[in-house]
């Protein structure tokens, strides 16, 4: 019975009718580098309504990756009444940058979305940051890291999301954590795990138990610290699954994680039950 119910849920997720609008917006320019975000809006949005939003950051170790990674998620959630945004950012392979520039761009993207909330028909108090791997780091860092702001940003506009959905995120950049060889001692102001404070937004955390980059113990400790400061952190572990298990190519796990994300958003009042 349970298996049949899950299959019905899965089929429902995969057979949803595609009905979304797409717009490409320039959100930042550094010298000759132009950074864009793709906006997926609900079909025929009500001009008088403010919709929740999700800003997705792709993975790739701050080295590579493209916005197409979360396009299936953006299409799905835009059909459910959420404005979804795929944000590009600088990476080493294309712009010869460091992880610090990637974080500056992620913060700029969040500020752009919030400052353009009216134009995008977004509720500025219901903006979710999401991402996978290094993109998960960027999402979490927009919420928890105070440093690494672009000089041209309007700092009076908050870059902090109201909630987080993290897919095997790189949340520990300290000694022994991911990226320490590039981050060095700056991890103290860069690593989400080392900067969890009271007021951290409610978080959904997905991880496979065979992820070679993020140990299960690290995720569990993150959840413990979040709860210690009074913040919600829902951790879901998927037995035997490796890094990147949640992508569309693994349809069963894509379905499971999207369904859990829908439940999380419903619990926050961002989606109808």
C-alpha atoms as a PDB file:
ATOM      1  CA  UNK A   1       0.000   0.000   0.000  1.00  0.00           C
ATOM      2  CA  UNK A   2       2.763   2.434   0.967  1.00  0.00           C
ATOM      3  CA  UNK A   3       4.728   1.581  -2.173  1.00  0.00           C
ATOM      4  CA  UNK A   4       1.668   2.152  -4.356  1.00  0.00           C
ATOM      5  CA  UNK A   5       1.021   5.488  -2.707  1.00  0.00           C
ATOM      6  CA  UNK A   6       4.613   6.583  -3.270  1.00  0.00           C
ATOM      7  CA  UNK A   7       4.440   5.528  -6.930  1.00  0.00           C
ATOM      8  CA  UNK A   8       1.317   7.635  -7.376  1.00  0.00           C
ATOM      9  CA  UNK A   9       3.077  10.593  -5.793  1.00  0.00           C
ATOM     10  CA  UNK A  10       6.125  10.060  -8.004  1.00  0.00           C
ATOM     11  CA  UNK A  11       4.062   9.803 -11.164  1.00  0.00           C
ATOM     12  CA  UNK A  12       2.223  12.939 -10.173  1.00  0.00           C
ATOM     13  CA  UNK A  13       5.495  14.812  -9.828  1.00  0.00           C
ATOM     14  CA  UNK A  14       6.874  13.646 -13.149  1.00  0.00           C
ATOM     15  CA  UNK A  15       3.732  14.041 -15.222  1.00  0.00           C
ATOM     16  CA  UNK A  16       2.928  17.608 -14.180  1.00  0.00           C
ATOM     17  CA  UNK A  17       1.969  19.714 -17.175  1.00  0.00           C
ATOM     18  CA  UNK A  18       4.686  22.193 -18.066  1.00  0.00           C
ATOM     19  CA  UNK A  19       3.223  25.687 -17.778  1.00  0.00           C
ATOM     20  CA  UNK A  20       5.691  28.399 -16.946  1.00  0.00           C
ATOM     21  CA  UNK A  21       7.004  31.681 -18.224  1.00  0.00           C
ATOM     22  CA  UNK A  22      10.720  32.368 -18.469  1.00  0.00           C
ATOM     23  CA  UNK A  23      12.589  35.669 -18.383  1.00  0.00           C
ATOM     24  CA  UNK A  24      16.320  36.407 -18.355  1.00  0.00           C
ATOM     25  CA  UNK A  25      17.482  39.374 -16.276  1.00  0.00           C
ATOM     26  CA  UNK A  26      20.901  40.971 -15.881  1.00  0.00           C
ATOM     27  CA  UNK A  27      21.496  41.305 -12.150  1.00  0.00           C
ATOM     28  CA  UNK A  28      25.174  42.225 -11.971  1.00  0.00           C
ATOM     29  CA  UNK A  29      28.106  43.355 -14.094  1.00  0.00           C
ATOM     30  CA  UNK A  30      31.756  43.319 -13.050  1.00  0.00           C
ATOM     31  CA  UNK A  31      33.986  44.871 -15.719  1.00  0.00           C
ATOM     32  CA  UNK A  32      33.022  42.913 -18.859  1.00  0.00           C
ATOM     33  CA  UNK A  33      31.440  40.007 -16.959  1.00  0.00           C
ATOM     34  CA  UNK A  34      27.661  40.034 -17.047  1.00  0.00           C
ATOM     35  CA  UNK A  35      25.704  37.805 -14.676  1.00  0.00           C
ATOM     36  CA  UNK A  36      22.128  36.840 -15.418  1.00  0.00           C
ATOM     37  CA  UNK A  37      19.292  35.103 -13.628  1.00  0.00           C
ATOM     38  CA  UNK A  38      16.517  33.118 -15.281  1.00  0.00           C
ATOM     39  CA  UNK A  39      13.066  33.659 -13.825  1.00  0.00           C
ATOM     40  CA  UNK A  40      10.365  30.985 -13.956  1.00  0.00           C
ATOM     41  CA  UNK A  41       7.019  32.466 -12.959  1.00  0.00           C
ATOM     42  CA  UNK A  42       3.646  30.814 -12.345  1.00  0.00           C
ATOM     43  CA  UNK A  43       1.464  30.778 -15.443  1.00  0.00           C
ATOM     44  CA  UNK A  44      -0.666  33.928 -15.757  1.00  0.00           C
ATOM     45  CA  UNK A  45       0.451  35.427 -12.435  1.00  0.00           C
ATOM     46  CA  UNK A  46      -2.062  37.597 -10.600  1.00  0.00           C
ATOM     47  CA  UNK A  47      -0.660  41.151 -10.729  1.00  0.00           C
ATOM     48  CA  UNK A  48      -2.129  41.845  -7.303  1.00  0.00           C
ATOM     49  CA  UNK A  49      -0.626  38.780  -5.633  1.00  0.00           C
ATOM     50  CA  UNK A  50       2.803  38.350  -4.040  1.00  0.00           C
ATOM     51  CA  UNK A  51       4.303  34.897  -4.560  1.00  0.00           C
ATOM     52  CA  UNK A  52       6.979  33.058  -2.566  1.00  0.00           C
ATOM     53  CA  UNK A  53      10.310  32.680  -4.375  1.00  0.00           C
ATOM     54  CA  UNK A  54      13.167  30.184  -4.521  1.00  0.00           C
ATOM     55  CA  UNK A  55      16.634  31.242  -5.704  1.00  0.00           C
ATOM     56  CA  UNK A  56      18.704  28.251  -6.861  1.00  0.00           C
ATOM     57  CA  UNK A  57      22.521  28.123  -6.953  1.00  0.00           C
ATOM     58  CA  UNK A  58      24.152  25.344  -9.003  1.00  0.00           C
ATOM     59  CA  UNK A  59      26.944  23.109  -7.721  1.00  0.00           C
ATOM     60  CA  UNK A  60      30.421  22.583  -9.099  1.00  0.00           C
ATOM     61  CA  UNK A  61      32.942  23.284  -6.355  1.00  0.00           C
ATOM     62  CA  UNK A  62      32.963  27.033  -7.161  1.00  0.00           C
ATOM     63  CA  UNK A  63      34.948  25.861 -10.219  1.00  0.00           C
ATOM     64  CA  UNK A  64      32.283  25.049 -12.816  1.00  0.00           C
ATOM     65  CA  UNK A  65      28.624  24.179 -13.215  1.00  0.00           C
ATOM     66  CA  UNK A  66      25.632  25.784 -14.925  1.00  0.00           C
ATOM     67  CA  UNK A  67      22.161  27.017 -14.066  1.00  0.00           C
ATOM     68  CA  UNK A  68      20.597  24.096 -15.958  1.00  0.00           C
ATOM     69  CA  UNK A  69      21.166  21.847 -12.920  1.00  0.00           C
ATOM     70  CA  UNK A  70      18.088  23.148 -11.113  1.00  0.00           C
ATOM     71  CA  UNK A  71      15.940  23.859 -14.159  1.00  0.00           C
ATOM     72  CA  UNK A  72      13.689  20.820 -13.446  1.00  0.00           C
ATOM     73  CA  UNK A  73      13.148  22.075  -9.902  1.00  0.00           C
ATOM     74  CA  UNK A  74      12.366  25.580 -11.138  1.00  0.00           C
ATOM     75  CA  UNK A  75       9.827  24.298 -13.650  1.00  0.00           C
ATOM     76  CA  UNK A  76       8.156  22.083 -11.071  1.00  0.00           C
ATOM     77  CA  UNK A  77       7.833  24.653  -8.295  1.00  0.00           C
ATOM     78  CA  UNK A  78       6.787  27.455 -10.648  1.00  0.00           C
ATOM     79  CA  UNK A  79       3.817  25.289 -11.603  1.00  0.00           C
ATOM     80  CA  UNK A  80       2.924  25.131  -7.911  1.00  0.00           C
ATOM     81  CA  UNK A  81       2.795  28.909  -7.525  1.00  0.00           C
ATOM     82  CA  UNK A  82       6.361  29.831  -6.597  1.00  0.00           C
ATOM     83  CA  UNK A  83       8.565  32.225  -8.553  1.00  0.00           C
ATOM     84  CA  UNK A  84      11.799  30.309  -9.204  1.00  0.00           C
ATOM     85  CA  UNK A  85      15.116  31.882 -10.089  1.00  0.00           C
ATOM     86  CA  UNK A  86      18.270  30.267 -11.459  1.00  0.00           C
ATOM     87  CA  UNK A  87      21.182  32.547 -10.590  1.00  0.00           C
ATOM     88  CA  UNK A  88      24.493  32.449 -12.436  1.00  0.00           C
ATOM     89  CA  UNK A  89      27.674  33.371 -10.563  1.00  0.00           C
ATOM     90  CA  UNK A  90      31.400  33.586 -11.211  1.00  0.00           C
ATOM     91  CA  UNK A  91      33.424  30.349 -11.118  1.00  0.00           C
ATOM     92  CA  UNK A  92      37.093  29.535 -11.607  1.00  0.00           C
ATOM     93  CA  UNK A  93      36.833  27.852 -15.020  1.00  0.00           C
ATOM     94  CA  UNK A  94      35.014  30.737 -16.664  1.00  0.00           C
ATOM     95  CA  UNK A  95      36.159  33.836 -14.797  1.00  0.00           C
ATOM     96  CA  UNK A  96      39.324  32.604 -12.984  1.00  0.00           C
ATOM     97  CA  UNK A  97      37.781  33.611  -9.661  1.00  0.00           C
ATOM     98  CA  UNK A  98      37.904  32.202  -6.134  1.00  0.00           C
ATOM     99  CA  UNK A  99      35.083  30.933  -3.900  1.00  0.00           C
ATOM    100  CA  UNK A 100      34.959  34.381  -2.306  1.00  0.00           C
ATOM    101  CA  UNK A 101      33.757  36.004  -5.548  1.00  0.00           C
ATOM    102  CA  UNK A 102      31.147  33.252  -5.901  1.00  0.00           C
ATOM    103  CA  UNK A 103      29.759  34.189  -2.494  1.00  0.00           C
ATOM    104  CA  UNK A 104      29.742  37.888  -3.330  1.00  0.00           C
ATOM    105  CA  UNK A 105      27.681  37.103  -6.428  1.00  0.00           C
ATOM    106  CA  UNK A 106      25.228  34.930  -4.496  1.00  0.00           C
ATOM    107  CA  UNK A 107      24.645  37.764  -2.038  1.00  0.00           C
ATOM    108  CA  UNK A 108      24.201  40.222  -4.915  1.00  0.00           C
ATOM    109  CA  UNK A 109      21.626  37.884  -6.484  1.00  0.00           C
ATOM    110  CA  UNK A 110      19.620  37.675  -3.263  1.00  0.00           C
ATOM    111  CA  UNK A 111      19.656  41.448  -2.859  1.00  0.00           C
ATOM    112  CA  UNK A 112      18.591  41.920  -6.485  1.00  0.00           C
ATOM    113  CA  UNK A 113      15.626  39.575  -6.032  1.00  0.00           C
ATOM    114  CA  UNK A 114      14.495  41.286  -2.833  1.00  0.00           C
ATOM    115  CA  UNK A 115      14.921  44.811  -4.230  1.00  0.00           C
ATOM    116  CA  UNK A 116      12.972  43.827  -7.374  1.00  0.00           C
ATOM    117  CA  UNK A 117      10.282  41.930  -5.478  1.00  0.00           C
ATOM    118  CA  UNK A 118       7.471  44.152  -6.719  1.00  0.00           C
ATOM    119  CA  UNK A 119       8.436  43.749 -10.375  1.00  0.00           C
ATOM    120  CA  UNK A 120       8.809  39.980  -9.949  1.00  0.00           C
ATOM    121  CA  UNK A 121       5.513  39.673  -7.995  1.00  0.00           C
ATOM    122  CA  UNK A 122       7.458  38.264  -5.044  1.00  0.00           C
ATOM    123  CA  UNK A 123       6.761  38.479  -1.338  1.00  0.00           C
ATOM    124  CA  UNK A 124      10.076  39.857  -0.002  1.00  0.00           C
ATOM    125  CA  UNK A 125       9.463  38.033   3.276  1.00  0.00           C
ATOM    126  CA  UNK A 126       9.116  34.621   1.616  1.00  0.00           C
ATOM    127  CA  UNK A 127      12.360  34.168  -0.289  1.00  0.00           C
ATOM    128  CA  UNK A 128      14.046  30.759  -0.106  1.00  0.00           C
ATOM    129  CA  UNK A 129      17.697  30.157  -1.019  1.00  0.00           C
ATOM    130  CA  UNK A 130      18.523  26.710  -2.352  1.00  0.00           C
ATOM    131  CA  UNK A 131      21.443  24.946  -3.966  1.00  0.00           C
ATOM    132  CA  UNK A 132      23.477  21.789  -4.296  1.00  0.00           C
ATOM    133  CA  UNK A 133      27.038  21.099  -3.124  1.00  0.00           C
ATOM    134  CA  UNK A 134      29.004  24.380  -3.495  1.00  0.00           C
ATOM    135  CA  UNK A 135      25.707  25.991  -4.503  1.00  0.00           C
ATOM    136  CA  UNK A 136      24.302  24.716  -1.224  1.00  0.00           C
ATOM    137  CA  UNK A 137      27.192  26.431   0.513  1.00  0.00           C
ATOM    138  CA  UNK A 138      26.317  29.701  -1.241  1.00  0.00           C
ATOM    139  CA  UNK A 139      22.659  29.414  -0.263  1.00  0.00           C
ATOM    140  CA  UNK A 140      23.528  28.755   3.390  1.00  0.00           C
ATOM    141  CA  UNK A 141      26.200  31.457   3.362  1.00  0.00           C
ATOM    142  CA  UNK A 142      23.767  34.144   2.191  1.00  0.00           C
ATOM    143  CA  UNK A 143      21.891  33.417   5.416  1.00  0.00           C
ATOM    144  CA  UNK A 144      24.784  33.033   7.841  1.00  0.00           C
ATOM    145  CA  UNK A 145      27.897  34.853   6.590  1.00  0.00           C
ATOM    146  CA  UNK A 146      28.292  38.580   7.234  1.00  0.00           C
ATOM    147  CA  UNK A 147      31.495  39.134   5.244  1.00  0.00           C
ATOM    148  CA  UNK A 148      32.139  39.067   1.470  1.00  0.00           C
ATOM    149  CA  UNK A 149      29.780  41.706   0.133  1.00  0.00           C
ATOM    150  CA  UNK A 150      30.286  43.375  -3.248  1.00  0.00           C
ATOM    151  CA  UNK A 151      31.332  47.022  -2.934  1.00  0.00           C
ATOM    152  CA  UNK A 152      28.585  48.023  -5.350  1.00  0.00           C
ATOM    153  CA  UNK A 153      25.806  46.272  -3.380  1.00  0.00           C
ATOM    154  CA  UNK A 154      23.212  48.255  -1.466  1.00  0.00           C
ATOM    155  CA  UNK A 155      23.816  46.789   1.977  1.00  0.00           C
ATOM    156  CA  UNK A 156      20.560  48.265   3.258  1.00  0.00           C
ATOM    157  CA  UNK A 157      18.846  45.451   1.309  1.00  0.00           C
ATOM    158  CA  UNK A 158      19.148  42.164   3.177  1.00  0.00           C
ATOM    159  CA  UNK A 159      20.616  39.196   1.346  1.00  0.00           C
ATOM    160  CA  UNK A 160      19.353  36.800   4.012  1.00  0.00           C
ATOM    161  CA  UNK A 161      16.751  34.286   2.850  1.00  0.00           C
ATOM    162  CA  UNK A 162      13.698  33.446   4.925  1.00  0.00           C
ATOM    163  CA  UNK A 163      14.295  29.705   4.541  1.00  0.00           C
ATOM    164  CA  UNK A 164      16.869  27.290   3.108  1.00  0.00           C
ATOM    165  CA  UNK A 165      16.605  24.093   1.051  1.00  0.00           C
ATOM    166  CA  UNK A 166      20.048  22.494   0.855  1.00  0.00           C
ATOM    167  CA  UNK A 167      21.041  19.532  -1.334  1.00  0.00           C
ATOM    168  CA  UNK A 168      24.234  17.847  -0.031  1.00  0.00           C
ATOM    169  CA  UNK A 169      25.623  21.310   0.792  1.00  0.00           C
ATOM    170  CA  UNK A 170      29.265  22.073   1.492  1.00  0.00           C
ATOM    171  CA  UNK A 171      28.699  23.560   4.941  1.00  0.00           C
ATOM    172  CA  UNK A 172      32.077  22.865   6.578  1.00  0.00           C
ATOM    173  CA  UNK A 173      35.055  24.694   5.044  1.00  0.00           C
ATOM    174  CA  UNK A 174      37.287  24.391   8.092  1.00  0.00           C
ATOM    175  CA  UNK A 175      40.336  22.134   8.537  1.00  0.00           C
ATOM    176  CA  UNK A 176      39.284  18.708   7.319  1.00  0.00           C
ATOM    177  CA  UNK A 177      36.244  20.172   5.568  1.00  0.00           C
ATOM    178  CA  UNK A 178      35.674  20.762   1.856  1.00  0.00           C
ATOM    179  CA  UNK A 179      37.695  23.515   0.171  1.00  0.00           C
ATOM    180  CA  UNK A 180      39.969  24.341   3.101  1.00  0.00           C
ATOM    181  CA  UNK A 181      43.015  24.281   0.813  1.00  0.00           C
ATOM    182  CA  UNK A 182      41.495  27.224  -1.075  1.00  0.00           C
ATOM    183  CA  UNK A 183      39.765  28.981   1.822  1.00  0.00           C
ATOM    184  CA  UNK A 184      42.480  28.696   4.455  1.00  0.00           C
ATOM    185  CA  UNK A 185      42.042  30.551   7.737  1.00  0.00           C
ATOM    186  CA  UNK A 186      39.286  32.637   6.150  1.00  0.00           C
ATOM    187  CA  UNK A 187      36.994  29.678   6.888  1.00  0.00           C
ATOM    188  CA  UNK A 188      36.134  31.342  10.195  1.00  0.00           C
ATOM    189  CA  UNK A 189      34.168  33.981   8.260  1.00  0.00           C
ATOM    190  CA  UNK A 190      33.206  31.790   5.277  1.00  0.00           C
ATOM    191  CA  UNK A 191      32.078  28.407   6.569  1.00  0.00           C
ATOM    192  CA  UNK A 192      28.339  28.156   7.383  1.00  0.00           C
ATOM    193  CA  UNK A 193      28.923  25.520  10.054  1.00  0.00           C
ATOM    194  CA  UNK A 194      31.181  27.914  11.946  1.00  0.00           C
ATOM    195  CA  UNK A 195      28.750  30.836  11.747  1.00  0.00           C
ATOM    196  CA  UNK A 196      25.388  29.472  12.885  1.00  0.00           C
ATOM    197  CA  UNK A 197      23.729  32.059  15.112  1.00  0.00           C
ATOM    198  CA  UNK A 198      20.398  32.731  16.719  1.00  0.00           C
ATOM    199  CA  UNK A 199      17.901  33.692  14.030  1.00  0.00           C
ATOM    200  CA  UNK A 200      19.217  31.262  11.408  1.00  0.00           C
ATOM    201  CA  UNK A 201      16.353  30.539   8.981  1.00  0.00           C
ATOM    202  CA  UNK A 202      14.438  27.227   8.960  1.00  0.00           C
ATOM    203  CA  UNK A 203      16.417  24.721   6.918  1.00  0.00           C
ATOM    204  CA  UNK A 204      15.808  21.531   4.963  1.00  0.00           C
ATOM    205  CA  UNK A 205      18.965  19.440   4.504  1.00  0.00           C
ATOM    206  CA  UNK A 206      19.308  16.451   2.122  1.00  0.00           C
ATOM    207  CA  UNK A 207      22.321  14.103   2.174  1.00  0.00           C
ATOM    208  CA  UNK A 208      23.247  10.658   0.884  1.00  0.00           C
ATOM    209  CA  UNK A 209      24.996   8.402   3.401  1.00  0.00           C
ATOM    210  CA  UNK A 210      27.747   7.556   0.885  1.00  0.00           C
ATOM    211  CA  UNK A 211      28.618  11.153   0.073  1.00  0.00           C
ATOM    212  CA  UNK A 212      32.428  11.312  -0.004  1.00  0.00           C
ATOM    213  CA  UNK A 213      32.505  15.115   0.371  1.00  0.00           C
ATOM    214  CA  UNK A 214      30.078  15.715   3.247  1.00  0.00           C
ATOM    215  CA  UNK A 215      30.215  13.218   6.131  1.00  0.00           C
ATOM    216  CA  UNK A 216      26.917  12.269   7.739  1.00  0.00           C
ATOM    217  CA  UNK A 217      28.396  13.301  11.098  1.00  0.00           C
ATOM    218  CA  UNK A 218      28.941  16.827   9.771  1.00  0.00           C
ATOM    219  CA  UNK A 219      25.307  17.111   8.708  1.00  0.00           C
ATOM    220  CA  UNK A 220      24.118  15.780  12.054  1.00  0.00           C
ATOM    221  CA  UNK A 221      26.332  18.246  13.906  1.00  0.00           C
ATOM    222  CA  UNK A 222      24.975  21.085  11.756  1.00  0.00           C
ATOM    223  CA  UNK A 223      21.449  20.053  12.744  1.00  0.00           C
ATOM    224  CA  UNK A 224      22.457  19.893  16.418  1.00  0.00           C
ATOM    225  CA  UNK A 225      23.942  23.400  16.373  1.00  0.00           C
ATOM    226  CA  UNK A 226      20.918  24.778  14.514  1.00  0.00           C
ATOM    227  CA  UNK A 227      18.569  23.350  17.110  1.00  0.00           C
ATOM    228  CA  UNK A 228      20.816  24.622  19.911  1.00  0.00           C
ATOM    229  CA  UNK A 229      20.312  28.222  18.711  1.00  0.00           C
ATOM    230  CA  UNK A 230      16.571  27.629  18.413  1.00  0.00           C
ATOM    231  CA  UNK A 231      16.329  27.159  14.646  1.00  0.00           C
ATOM    232  CA  UNK A 232      14.613  24.408  12.718  1.00  0.00           C
ATOM    233  CA  UNK A 233      16.737  22.005  10.671  1.00  0.00           C
ATOM    234  CA  UNK A 234      15.042  19.010   9.032  1.00  0.00           C
ATOM    235  CA  UNK A 235      17.740  16.503   8.014  1.00  0.00           C
ATOM    236  CA  UNK A 236      16.922  13.664   5.596  1.00  0.00           C
ATOM    237  CA  UNK A 237      19.530  10.956   5.017  1.00  0.00           C
ATOM    238  CA  UNK A 238      19.293   8.636   2.006  1.00  0.00           C
ATOM    239  CA  UNK A 239      20.948   5.270   2.532  1.00  0.00           C
ATOM    240  CA  UNK A 240      23.710   4.302   0.128  1.00  0.00           C
ATOM    241  CA  UNK A 241      23.377   7.425  -1.998  1.00  0.00           C
ATOM    242  CA  UNK A 242      26.410   9.378  -3.275  1.00  0.00           C
ATOM    243  CA  UNK A 243      27.042  13.054  -3.862  1.00  0.00           C
ATOM    244  CA  UNK A 244      24.553  14.553  -6.344  1.00  0.00           C
ATOM    245  CA  UNK A 245      21.978  11.777  -5.854  1.00  0.00           C
ATOM    246  CA  UNK A 246      19.077  14.268  -5.973  1.00  0.00           C
ATOM    247  CA  UNK A 247      19.505  15.385  -9.600  1.00  0.00           C
ATOM    248  CA  UNK A 248      16.839  14.591 -12.195  1.00  0.00           C
ATOM    249  CA  UNK A 249      18.922  11.792 -13.748  1.00  0.00           C
ATOM    250  CA  UNK A 250      18.117   9.822 -10.574  1.00  0.00           C
ATOM    251  CA  UNK A 251      14.358  10.214 -10.950  1.00  0.00           C
ATOM    252  CA  UNK A 252      13.320   8.271  -7.871  1.00  0.00           C
ATOM    253  CA  UNK A 253      15.483  10.394  -5.571  1.00  0.00           C
ATOM    254  CA  UNK A 254      14.622  13.570  -7.442  1.00  0.00           C
ATOM    255  CA  UNK A 255      10.972  12.742  -6.714  1.00  0.00           C
ATOM    256  CA  UNK A 256      11.615  11.957  -3.063  1.00  0.00           C
ATOM    257  CA  UNK A 257      13.527  15.169  -2.391  1.00  0.00           C
ATOM    258  CA  UNK A 258      11.133  17.395  -4.357  1.00  0.00           C
ATOM    259  CA  UNK A 259       8.225  15.879  -2.446  1.00  0.00           C
ATOM    260  CA  UNK A 260       9.964  16.506   0.899  1.00  0.00           C
ATOM    261  CA  UNK A 261      10.759  20.058  -0.200  1.00  0.00           C
ATOM    262  CA  UNK A 262       7.079  20.572  -1.028  1.00  0.00           C
ATOM    263  CA  UNK A 263       6.119  19.377   2.440  1.00  0.00           C
ATOM    264  CA  UNK A 264       8.685  21.710   4.006  1.00  0.00           C
ATOM    265  CA  UNK A 265       7.383  24.690   2.026  1.00  0.00           C
ATOM    266  CA  UNK A 266       3.813  23.798   2.974  1.00  0.00           C
ATOM    267  CA  UNK A 267       4.761  23.714   6.648  1.00  0.00           C
ATOM    268  CA  UNK A 268       6.078  27.274   6.299  1.00  0.00           C
ATOM    269  CA  UNK A 269       2.920  28.462   4.584  1.00  0.00           C
ATOM    270  CA  UNK A 270       4.660  28.963   1.220  1.00  0.00           C
ATOM    271  CA  UNK A 271       2.623  26.262  -0.533  1.00  0.00           C
ATOM    272  CA  UNK A 272      -0.914  25.047  -0.049  1.00  0.00           C
ATOM    273  CA  UNK A 273      -1.208  21.637   1.581  1.00  0.00           C
END
